[in-house]
Amino acid sequence: MKADIKEDLLTAGGIAKELGVSDAKVKKAINELAIQPKAKKGACSYYARDELTKIKEALT
């Protein structure tokens, strides 16, 4: 079950890779949209895969 949860979460870098844009653009969009991470591990924030659409729309 943990593997399923892990697959549904992405870092800002992972989102950037999927969208083909820079990490900085994704982080800026996350801040502007005030999206909160679903999980944190150390300094890394993990966002739900369903936030991908919102971030993509903010970048276009």
PDB file of N, CA and C in Angstrom:
ATOM      1  N   MET A   1       0.815  -1.191   0.000  1.00  0.00           N
ATOM      2  CA  MET A   1       0.000   0.000   0.000  1.00  0.00           C
ATOM      3  C   MET A   1       0.864   1.263   0.000  1.00  0.00           C
ATOM      4  N   LYS A   2       1.973   1.254   0.697  1.00  0.00           N
ATOM      5  CA  LYS A   2       2.855   2.414   0.717  1.00  0.00           C
ATOM      6  C   LYS A   2       3.365   2.747  -0.676  1.00  0.00           C
ATOM      7  N   ALA A   3       3.618   1.746  -1.504  1.00  0.00           N
ATOM      8  CA  ALA A   3       4.096   1.985  -2.864  1.00  0.00           C
ATOM      9  C   ALA A   3       3.056   2.754  -3.664  1.00  0.00           C
ATOM     10  N   ASP A   4       1.770   2.436  -3.470  1.00  0.00           N
ATOM     11  CA  ASP A   4       0.703   3.143  -4.172  1.00  0.00           C
ATOM     12  C   ASP A   4       0.667   4.610  -3.769  1.00  0.00           C
ATOM     13  N   ILE A   5       0.820   4.880  -2.496  1.00  0.00           N
ATOM     14  CA  ILE A   5       0.804   6.252  -2.008  1.00  0.00           C
ATOM     15  C   ILE A   5       1.994   7.012  -2.574  1.00  0.00           C
ATOM     16  N   LYS A   6       3.158   6.411  -2.567  1.00  0.00           N
ATOM     17  CA  LYS A   6       4.373   7.051  -3.060  1.00  0.00           C
ATOM     18  C   LYS A   6       4.242   7.409  -4.534  1.00  0.00           C
ATOM     19  N   GLU A   7       3.608   6.550  -5.332  1.00  0.00           N
ATOM     20  CA  GLU A   7       3.452   6.805  -6.757  1.00  0.00           C
ATOM     21  C   GLU A   7       2.521   7.978  -7.028  1.00  0.00           C
ATOM     22  N   ASP A   8       1.626   8.283  -6.118  1.00  0.00           N
ATOM     23  CA  ASP A   8       0.677   9.373  -6.305  1.00  0.00           C
ATOM     24  C   ASP A   8       1.235  10.722  -5.863  1.00  0.00           C
ATOM     25  N   LEU A   9       2.423  10.744  -5.288  1.00  0.00           N
ATOM     26  CA  LEU A   9       3.030  11.981  -4.822  1.00  0.00           C
ATOM     27  C   LEU A   9       4.253  12.328  -5.657  1.00  0.00           C
ATOM     28  N   LEU A  10       4.410  13.615  -5.937  1.00  0.00           N
ATOM     29  CA  LEU A  10       5.532  14.090  -6.740  1.00  0.00           C
ATOM     30  C   LEU A  10       6.195  15.282  -6.059  1.00  0.00           C
ATOM     31  N   THR A  11       7.502  15.400  -6.220  1.00  0.00           N
ATOM     32  CA  THR A  11       8.202  16.603  -5.777  1.00  0.00           C
ATOM     33  C   THR A  11       8.035  17.664  -6.858  1.00  0.00           C
ATOM     34  N   ALA A  12       8.418  18.891  -6.554  1.00  0.00           N
ATOM     35  CA  ALA A  12       8.365  19.958  -7.562  1.00  0.00           C
ATOM     36  C   ALA A  12       9.235  19.578  -8.759  1.00  0.00           C
ATOM     37  N   GLY A  13      10.373  18.947  -8.492  1.00  0.00           N
ATOM     38  CA  GLY A  13      11.253  18.500  -9.572  1.00  0.00           C
ATOM     39  C   GLY A  13      10.608  17.434 -10.434  1.00  0.00           C
ATOM     40  N   GLY A  14       9.884  16.524  -9.812  1.00  0.00           N
ATOM     41  CA  GLY A  14       9.174  15.478 -10.549  1.00  0.00           C
ATOM     42  C   GLY A  14       8.067  16.054 -11.412  1.00  0.00           C
ATOM     43  N   ILE A  15       7.368  17.044 -10.875  1.00  0.00           N
ATOM     44  CA  ILE A  15       6.316  17.714 -11.647  1.00  0.00           C
ATOM     45  C   ILE A  15       6.944  18.432 -12.834  1.00  0.00           C
ATOM     46  N   ALA A  16       8.053  19.119 -12.599  1.00  0.00           N
ATOM     47  CA  ALA A  16       8.744  19.841 -13.668  1.00  0.00           C
ATOM     48  C   ALA A  16       9.170  18.889 -14.778  1.00  0.00           C
ATOM     49  N   LYS A  17       9.686  17.732 -14.400  1.00  0.00           N
ATOM     50  CA  LYS A  17      10.123  16.746 -15.385  1.00  0.00           C
ATOM     51  C   LYS A  17       8.944  16.257 -16.221  1.00  0.00           C
ATOM     52  N   GLU A  18       7.817  15.984 -15.578  1.00  0.00           N
ATOM     53  CA  GLU A  18       6.632  15.507 -16.302  1.00  0.00           C
ATOM     54  C   GLU A  18       6.080  16.564 -17.253  1.00  0.00           C
ATOM     55  N   LEU A  19       6.168  17.839 -16.844  1.00  0.00           N
ATOM     56  CA  LEU A  19       5.620  18.918 -17.664  1.00  0.00           C
ATOM     57  C   LEU A  19       6.634  19.474 -18.660  1.00  0.00           C
ATOM     58  N   GLY A  20       7.899  19.101 -18.497  1.00  0.00           N
ATOM     59  CA  GLY A  20       8.944  19.571 -19.405  1.00  0.00           C
ATOM     60  C   GLY A  20       9.293  21.040 -19.205  1.00  0.00           C
ATOM     61  N   VAL A  21       9.231  21.505 -17.956  1.00  0.00           N
ATOM     62  CA  VAL A  21       9.580  22.888 -17.631  1.00  0.00           C
ATOM     63  C   VAL A  21      10.600  22.884 -16.494  1.00  0.00           C
ATOM     64  N   SER A  22      11.105  24.071 -16.158  1.00  0.00           N
ATOM     65  CA  SER A  22      12.112  24.151 -15.101  1.00  0.00           C
ATOM     66  C   SER A  22      11.486  24.010 -13.711  1.00  0.00           C
ATOM     67  N   ASP A  23      12.315  23.587 -12.767  1.00  0.00           N
ATOM     68  CA  ASP A  23      11.884  23.473 -11.369  1.00  0.00           C
ATOM     69  C   ASP A  23      11.405  24.825 -10.846  1.00  0.00           C
ATOM     70  N   ALA A  24      12.121  25.889 -11.227  1.00  0.00           N
ATOM     71  CA  ALA A  24      11.788  27.229 -10.737  1.00  0.00           C
ATOM     72  C   ALA A  24      10.384  27.647 -11.161  1.00  0.00           C
ATOM     73  N   LYS A  25      10.005  27.335 -12.391  1.00  0.00           N
ATOM     74  CA  LYS A  25       8.660  27.687 -12.868  1.00  0.00           C
ATOM     75  C   LYS A  25       7.596  26.939 -12.076  1.00  0.00           C
ATOM     76  N   VAL A  26       7.851  25.674 -11.804  1.00  0.00           N
ATOM     77  CA  VAL A  26       6.892  24.871 -11.038  1.00  0.00           C
ATOM     78  C   VAL A  26       6.787  25.398  -9.609  1.00  0.00           C
ATOM     79  N   LYS A  27       7.910  25.683  -8.981  1.00  0.00           N
ATOM     80  CA  LYS A  27       7.894  26.197  -7.608  1.00  0.00           C
ATOM     81  C   LYS A  27       7.169  27.542  -7.535  1.00  0.00           C
ATOM     82  N   LYS A  28       7.365  28.382  -8.545  1.00  0.00           N
ATOM     83  CA  LYS A  28       6.677  29.676  -8.586  1.00  0.00           C
ATOM     84  C   LYS A  28       5.167  29.463  -8.694  1.00  0.00           C
ATOM     85  N   ALA A  29       4.748  28.553  -9.574  1.00  0.00           N
ATOM     86  CA  ALA A  29       3.319  28.260  -9.744  1.00  0.00           C
ATOM     87  C   ALA A  29       2.724  27.702  -8.449  1.00  0.00           C
ATOM     88  N   ILE A  30       3.454  26.817  -7.782  1.00  0.00           N
ATOM     89  CA  ILE A  30       2.987  26.241  -6.517  1.00  0.00           C
ATOM     90  C   ILE A  30       2.778  27.351  -5.484  1.00  0.00           C
ATOM     91  N   ASN A  31       3.726  28.284  -5.409  1.00  0.00           N
ATOM     92  CA  ASN A  31       3.599  29.396  -4.459  1.00  0.00           C
ATOM     93  C   ASN A  31       2.431  30.306  -4.816  1.00  0.00           C
ATOM     94  N   GLU A  32       2.287  30.639  -6.102  1.00  0.00           N
ATOM     95  CA  GLU A  32       1.206  31.527  -6.539  1.00  0.00           C
ATOM     96  C   GLU A  32      -0.169  30.906  -6.298  1.00  0.00           C
ATOM     97  N   LEU A  33      -0.263  29.592  -6.482  1.00  0.00           N
ATOM     98  CA  LEU A  33      -1.535  28.894  -6.285  1.00  0.00           C
ATOM     99  C   LEU A  33      -1.765  28.497  -4.827  1.00  0.00           C
ATOM    100  N   ALA A  34      -0.766  28.736  -3.992  1.00  0.00           N
ATOM    101  CA  ALA A  34      -0.820  28.394  -2.561  1.00  0.00           C
ATOM    102  C   ALA A  34      -1.147  26.912  -2.346  1.00  0.00           C
ATOM    103  N   ILE A  35      -0.534  26.065  -3.157  1.00  0.00           N
ATOM    104  CA  ILE A  35      -0.731  24.619  -3.036  1.00  0.00           C
ATOM    105  C   ILE A  35       0.121  24.108  -1.879  1.00  0.00           C
ATOM    106  N   GLN A  36      -0.496  23.362  -0.998  1.00  0.00           N
ATOM    107  CA  GLN A  36       0.194  22.803   0.159  1.00  0.00           C
ATOM    108  C   GLN A  36       0.615  21.365  -0.144  1.00  0.00           C
ATOM    109  N   PRO A  37       1.796  20.970   0.309  1.00  0.00           N
ATOM    110  CA  PRO A  37       2.228  19.589   0.087  1.00  0.00           C
ATOM    111  C   PRO A  37       1.359  18.600   0.858  1.00  0.00           C
ATOM    112  N   LYS A  38       1.195  17.422   0.289  1.00  0.00           N
ATOM    113  CA  LYS A  38       0.437  16.360   0.961  1.00  0.00           C
ATOM    114  C   LYS A  38       1.310  15.638   1.977  1.00  0.00           C
ATOM    115  N   ALA A  39       2.630  15.700   1.757  1.00  0.00           N
ATOM    116  CA  ALA A  39       3.570  15.061   2.678  1.00  0.00           C
ATOM    117  C   ALA A  39       4.897  15.807   2.621  1.00  0.00           C
ATOM    118  N   LYS A  40       5.654  15.706   3.709  1.00  0.00           N
ATOM    119  CA  LYS A  40       6.993  16.288   3.762  1.00  0.00           C
ATOM    120  C   LYS A  40       7.931  15.261   4.366  1.00  0.00           C
ATOM    121  N   LYS A  41       9.121  15.196   3.791  1.00  0.00           N
ATOM    122  CA  LYS A  41      10.158  14.336   4.349  1.00  0.00           C
ATOM    123  C   LYS A  41      11.440  15.149   4.322  1.00  0.00           C
ATOM    124  N   GLY A  42      11.871  15.588   5.479  1.00  0.00           N
ATOM    125  CA  GLY A  42      13.021  16.475   5.548  1.00  0.00           C
ATOM    126  C   GLY A  42      12.689  17.787   4.856  1.00  0.00           C
ATOM    127  N   ALA A  43      13.540  18.189   3.925  1.00  0.00           N
ATOM    128  CA  ALA A  43      13.321  19.435   3.187  1.00  0.00           C
ATOM    129  C   ALA A  43      12.452  19.234   1.951  1.00  0.00           C
ATOM    130  N   CYS A  44      12.136  17.991   1.625  1.00  0.00           N
ATOM    131  CA  CYS A  44      11.369  17.692   0.408  1.00  0.00           C
ATOM    132  C   CYS A  44       9.871  17.746   0.666  1.00  0.00           C
ATOM    133  N   SER A  45       9.172  18.418  -0.238  1.00  0.00           N
ATOM    134  CA  SER A  45       7.709  18.467  -0.191  1.00  0.00           C
ATOM    135  C   SER A  45       7.167  17.603  -1.310  1.00  0.00           C
ATOM    136  N   TYR A  46       6.130  16.850  -1.012  1.00  0.00           N
ATOM    137  CA  TYR A  46       5.509  15.962  -1.991  1.00  0.00           C
ATOM    138  C   TYR A  46       4.077  16.414  -2.239  1.00  0.00           C
ATOM    139  N   TYR A  47       3.758  16.577  -3.511  1.00  0.00           N
ATOM    140  CA  TYR A  47       2.445  17.079  -3.910  1.00  0.00           C
ATOM    141  C   TYR A  47       1.640  15.976  -4.571  1.00  0.00           C
ATOM    142  N   ALA A  48       0.327  16.055  -4.416  1.00  0.00           N
ATOM    143  CA  ALA A  48      -0.573  15.062  -5.004  1.00  0.00           C
ATOM    144  C   ALA A  48      -0.541  15.178  -6.525  1.00  0.00           C
ATOM    145  N   ARG A  49      -0.622  14.046  -7.184  1.00  0.00           N
ATOM    146  CA  ARG A  49      -0.607  14.016  -8.644  1.00  0.00           C
ATOM    147  C   ARG A  49      -1.764  14.831  -9.231  1.00  0.00           C
ATOM    148  N   ASP A  50      -2.886  14.912  -8.519  1.00  0.00           N
ATOM    149  CA  ASP A  50      -4.024  15.662  -9.054  1.00  0.00           C
ATOM    150  C   ASP A  50      -3.783  17.173  -9.085  1.00  0.00           C
ATOM    151  N   GLU A  51      -2.727  17.651  -8.427  1.00  0.00           N
ATOM    152  CA  GLU A  51      -2.359  19.072  -8.494  1.00  0.00           C
ATOM    153  C   GLU A  51      -1.661  19.398  -9.814  1.00  0.00           C
ATOM    154  N   LEU A  52      -1.229  18.377 -10.523  1.00  0.00           N
ATOM    155  CA  LEU A  52      -0.502  18.548 -11.779  1.00  0.00           C
ATOM    156  C   LEU A  52      -1.294  19.388 -12.776  1.00  0.00           C
ATOM    157  N   THR A  53      -2.588  19.163 -12.878  1.00  0.00           N
ATOM    158  CA  THR A  53      -3.433  19.892 -13.821  1.00  0.00           C
ATOM    159  C   THR A  53      -3.474  21.377 -13.482  1.00  0.00           C
ATOM    160  N   LYS A  54      -3.634  21.703 -12.205  1.00  0.00           N
ATOM    161  CA  LYS A  54      -3.667  23.106 -11.778  1.00  0.00           C
ATOM    162  C   LYS A  54      -2.352  23.801 -12.107  1.00  0.00           C
ATOM    163  N   ILE A  55      -1.254  23.116 -11.837  1.00  0.00           N
ATOM    164  CA  ILE A  55       0.065  23.695 -12.084  1.00  0.00           C
ATOM    165  C   ILE A  55       0.281  23.883 -13.579  1.00  0.00           C
ATOM    166  N   LYS A  56      -0.105  22.897 -14.365  1.00  0.00           N
ATOM    167  CA  LYS A  56       0.044  22.983 -15.820  1.00  0.00           C
ATOM    168  C   LYS A  56      -0.743  24.172 -16.370  1.00  0.00           C
ATOM    169  N   GLU A  57      -1.967  24.361 -15.901  1.00  0.00           N
ATOM    170  CA  GLU A  57      -2.797  25.483 -16.352  1.00  0.00           C
ATOM    171  C   GLU A  57      -2.172  26.819 -15.964  1.00  0.00           C
ATOM    172  N   ALA A  58      -1.557  26.891 -14.795  1.00  0.00           N
ATOM    173  CA  ALA A  58      -0.928  28.129 -14.340  1.00  0.00           C
ATOM    174  C   ALA A  58       0.298  28.478 -15.180  1.00  0.00           C
ATOM    175  N   LEU A  59       0.912  27.478 -15.778  1.00  0.00           N
ATOM    176  CA  LEU A  59       2.114  27.699 -16.581  1.00  0.00           C
ATOM    177  C   LEU A  59       1.808  28.076 -18.026  1.00  0.00           C
ATOM    178  N   THR A  60       0.550  27.922 -18.437  1.00  0.00           N
ATOM    179  CA  THR A  60       0.209  28.238 -19.835  1.00  0.00           C
ATOM    180  C   THR A  60      -0.459  29.583 -19.960  1.00  0.00           C
TER     181      THR A  60
END
